[in-house]
C-alpha atoms as a PDB file:
ATOM      1  CA  MET A   1      -9.463 -37.797  20.233  1.00  0.00           C
ATOM      2  CA  ARG A   2      -7.766 -35.449  22.719  1.00  0.00           C
ATOM      3  CA  ASP A   3     -10.240 -36.619  25.396  1.00  0.00           C
ATOM      4  CA  ALA A   4      -8.879 -40.163  25.102  1.00  0.00           C
ATOM      5  CA  PHE A   5      -5.341 -38.919  25.743  1.00  0.00           C
ATOM      6  CA  VAL A   6      -6.497 -36.803  28.704  1.00  0.00           C
ATOM      7  CA  ALA A   7      -8.251 -39.840  30.217  1.00  0.00           C
ATOM      8  CA  ALA A   8      -5.163 -42.012  29.686  1.00  0.00           C
ATOM      9  CA  ILE A   9      -2.840 -39.435  31.271  1.00  0.00           C
ATOM     10  CA  ASP A  10      -5.202 -39.014  34.229  1.00  0.00           C
ATOM     11  CA  ALA A  11      -5.287 -42.788  34.760  1.00  0.00           C
ATOM     12  CA  ILE A  12      -1.491 -43.039  34.689  1.00  0.00           C
ATOM     13  CA  PHE A  13      -1.028 -40.218  37.197  1.00  0.00           C
ATOM     14  CA  ALA A  14      -3.745 -41.678  39.463  1.00  0.00           C
ATOM     15  CA  ASP A  15      -2.091 -45.119  39.529  1.00  0.00           C
ATOM     16  CA  GLY A  16      -0.427 -45.580  42.927  1.00  0.00           C
ATOM     17  CA  ASN A  17       2.418 -47.531  41.291  1.00  0.00           C
ATOM     18  CA  VAL A  18       3.328 -44.590  39.067  1.00  0.00           C
ATOM     19  CA  GLY A  19       2.025 -41.284  40.411  1.00  0.00           C
ATOM     20  CA  GLU A  20       2.810 -39.665  43.740  1.00  0.00           C
ATOM     21  CA  ASP A  21       1.145 -36.939  45.783  1.00  0.00           C
ATOM     22  CA  ALA A  22       3.134 -33.712  45.979  1.00  0.00           C
ATOM     23  CA  LEU A  23       2.846 -30.059  46.955  1.00  0.00           C
ATOM     24  CA  TRP A  24       3.763 -27.611  44.175  1.00  0.00           C
ATOM     25  CA  ARG A  25       5.041 -24.172  45.183  1.00  0.00           C
ATOM     26  CA  SER A  26       5.150 -21.534  42.468  1.00  0.00           C
ATOM     27  CA  GLY A  27       8.342 -19.539  42.909  1.00  0.00           C
ATOM     28  CA  GLY A  28       9.310 -21.928  45.695  1.00  0.00           C
ATOM     29  CA  VAL A  29       7.154 -20.161  48.296  1.00  0.00           C
ATOM     30  CA  GLY A  30       3.766 -20.539  49.926  1.00  0.00           C
ATOM     31  CA  ALA A  31       1.752 -23.389  51.333  1.00  0.00           C
ATOM     32  CA  GLY A  32       1.719 -25.267  48.042  1.00  0.00           C
ATOM     33  CA  VAL A  33      -0.949 -26.720  45.791  1.00  0.00           C
ATOM     34  CA  PRO A  34      -1.652 -30.474  45.936  1.00  0.00           C
ATOM     35  CA  VAL A  35      -0.749 -32.202  42.659  1.00  0.00           C
ATOM     36  CA  ARG A  36       0.041 -35.685  41.354  1.00  0.00           C
ATOM     37  CA  VAL A  37       3.484 -36.151  39.826  1.00  0.00           C
ATOM     38  CA  ILE A  38       5.577 -38.865  38.252  1.00  0.00           C
ATOM     39  CA  ARG A  39       9.190 -38.865  39.450  1.00  0.00           C
ATOM     40  CA  LYS A  40      11.854 -40.306  37.142  1.00  0.00           C
ATOM     41  CA  SER A  41      15.552 -40.698  37.860  1.00  0.00           C
ATOM     42  CA  PRO A  42      17.360 -41.545  34.638  1.00  0.00           C
ATOM     43  CA  ASP A  43      21.136 -41.406  34.435  1.00  0.00           C
ATOM     44  CA  GLN A  44      22.657 -38.844  32.079  1.00  0.00           C
ATOM     45  CA  VAL A  45      25.858 -39.575  30.188  1.00  0.00           C
ATOM     46  CA  VAL A  46      28.117 -36.528  29.891  1.00  0.00           C
ATOM     47  CA  ASP A  47      31.236 -36.446  27.706  1.00  0.00           C
ATOM     48  CA  PHE A  48      34.441 -34.866  29.036  1.00  0.00           C
ATOM     49  CA  GLY A  49      36.979 -34.984  26.230  1.00  0.00           C
ATOM     50  CA  ASP A  50      37.801 -38.672  25.785  1.00  0.00           C
ATOM     51  CA  SER A  51      36.026 -39.634  29.003  1.00  0.00           C
ATOM     52  CA  ARG A  52      32.407 -40.071  29.919  1.00  0.00           C
ATOM     53  CA  ALA A  53      30.662 -39.631  33.233  1.00  0.00           C
ATOM     54  CA  VAL A  54      27.319 -41.048  34.279  1.00  0.00           C
ATOM     55  CA  LEU A  55      25.401 -38.542  36.396  1.00  0.00           C
ATOM     56  CA  PRO A  56      22.111 -39.077  38.186  1.00  0.00           C
ATOM     57  CA  SER A  57      19.238 -36.750  37.337  1.00  0.00           C
ATOM     58  CA  VAL A  58      15.680 -36.172  38.511  1.00  0.00           C
ATOM     59  CA  LEU A  59      12.809 -35.473  36.146  1.00  0.00           C
ATOM     60  CA  ILE A  60       9.337 -34.654  37.432  1.00  0.00           C
ATOM     61  CA  ASP A  61       6.246 -34.942  35.236  1.00  0.00           C
ATOM     62  CA  VAL A  62       3.221 -32.850  36.205  1.00  0.00           C
ATOM     63  CA  ARG A  63      -0.074 -32.445  34.383  1.00  0.00           C
ATOM     64  CA  GLY A  64      -0.746 -29.146  32.660  1.00  0.00           C
ATOM     65  CA  SER A  65      -4.250 -29.255  34.135  1.00  0.00           C
ATOM     66  CA  GLU A  66      -2.696 -28.947  37.619  1.00  0.00           C
ATOM     67  CA  VAL A  67       0.267 -26.633  36.934  1.00  0.00           C
ATOM     68  CA  ALA A  68      -0.376 -24.400  33.939  1.00  0.00           C
ATOM     69  CA  GLU A  69       3.068 -22.782  33.734  1.00  0.00           C
ATOM     70  CA  PRO A  70       5.821 -24.414  35.790  1.00  0.00           C
ATOM     71  CA  GLY A  71       9.061 -22.491  35.884  1.00  0.00           C
ATOM     72  CA  VAL A  72      12.627 -22.417  37.081  1.00  0.00           C
ATOM     73  CA  GLY A  73      12.637 -21.751  40.816  1.00  0.00           C
ATOM     74  CA  ASP A  74       9.345 -23.511  41.486  1.00  0.00           C
ATOM     75  CA  SER A  75       9.620 -26.233  44.093  1.00  0.00           C
ATOM     76  CA  LEU A  76       7.723 -29.324  45.060  1.00  0.00           C
ATOM     77  CA  GLU A  77       7.631 -31.587  48.044  1.00  0.00           C
ATOM     78  CA  ILE A  78       7.234 -35.334  47.680  1.00  0.00           C
ATOM     79  CA  ALA A  79       7.074 -37.478  50.826  1.00  0.00           C
ATOM     80  CA  GLY A  80       9.049 -34.888  52.805  1.00  0.00           C
ATOM     81  CA  ASP A  81      11.749 -34.387  50.148  1.00  0.00           C
ATOM     82  CA  VAL A  82      11.931 -30.940  48.521  1.00  0.00           C
ATOM     83  CA  TYR A  83      12.965 -30.506  44.883  1.00  0.00           C
ATOM     84  CA  GLU A  84      13.643 -27.290  42.989  1.00  0.00           C
ATOM     85  CA  ILE A  85      13.003 -26.915  39.260  1.00  0.00           C
ATOM     86  CA  ILE A  86      16.403 -26.064  37.759  1.00  0.00           C
ATOM     87  CA  ALA A  87      15.736 -25.902  34.002  1.00  0.00           C
ATOM     88  CA  ALA A  88      12.981 -24.671  31.724  1.00  0.00           C
ATOM     89  CA  PRO A  89      10.126 -27.221  31.739  1.00  0.00           C
ATOM     90  CA  VAL A  90       9.203 -28.878  28.451  1.00  0.00           C
ATOM     91  CA  ALA A  91       5.603 -29.692  27.474  1.00  0.00           C
ATOM     92  CA  ASP A  92       4.548 -32.713  25.446  1.00  0.00           C
ATOM     93  CA  SER A  93       3.118 -32.154  21.971  1.00  0.00           C
ATOM     94  CA  LEU A  94      -0.477 -31.943  23.271  1.00  0.00           C
ATOM     95  CA  GLY A  95       0.367 -29.730  26.240  1.00  0.00           C
ATOM     96  CA  LEU A  96      -0.930 -32.324  28.697  1.00  0.00           C
ATOM     97  CA  VAL A  97       2.259 -33.042  30.656  1.00  0.00           C
ATOM     98  CA  TRP A  98       5.207 -30.874  31.637  1.00  0.00           C
ATOM     99  CA  THR A  99       8.590 -32.548  32.215  1.00  0.00           C
ATOM    100  CA  CYS A 100      10.706 -30.608  34.693  1.00  0.00           C
ATOM    101  CA  GLU A 101      14.344 -31.172  35.564  1.00  0.00           C
ATOM    102  CA  ALA A 102      14.762 -30.901  39.311  1.00  0.00           C
ATOM    103  CA  ALA A 103      17.413 -31.036  42.013  1.00  0.00           C
ATOM    104  CA  ARG A 104      16.809 -32.364  45.499  1.00  0.00           C
ATOM    105  CA  GLN A 105      17.370 -29.757  48.193  1.00  0.00           C
ATOM    106  CA  ALA A 106      19.537 -30.712  51.149  1.00  0.00           C
END
């Protein structure tokens, strides 16, 4: 059954409407390893007392088969934009996809 999920994940990442080519740099250094990623930009709602603020965020999904152990301080480049992983990545229940919170570097 796991093979069906692996095939589905691979198809989603390969789809040009969803996945993007990127270079992953462990520790933020080096030439980088080519990977496919899915970039998401959901808004986060943060409470401040009686007020609320809507803040933009960037989440990057990467397959565990391409990046076994992503970590804080890793970076990736997508279409010339560089992002740094700023929080501990979280794996899905099957360990197929890591979701990484990232910040775009100026």
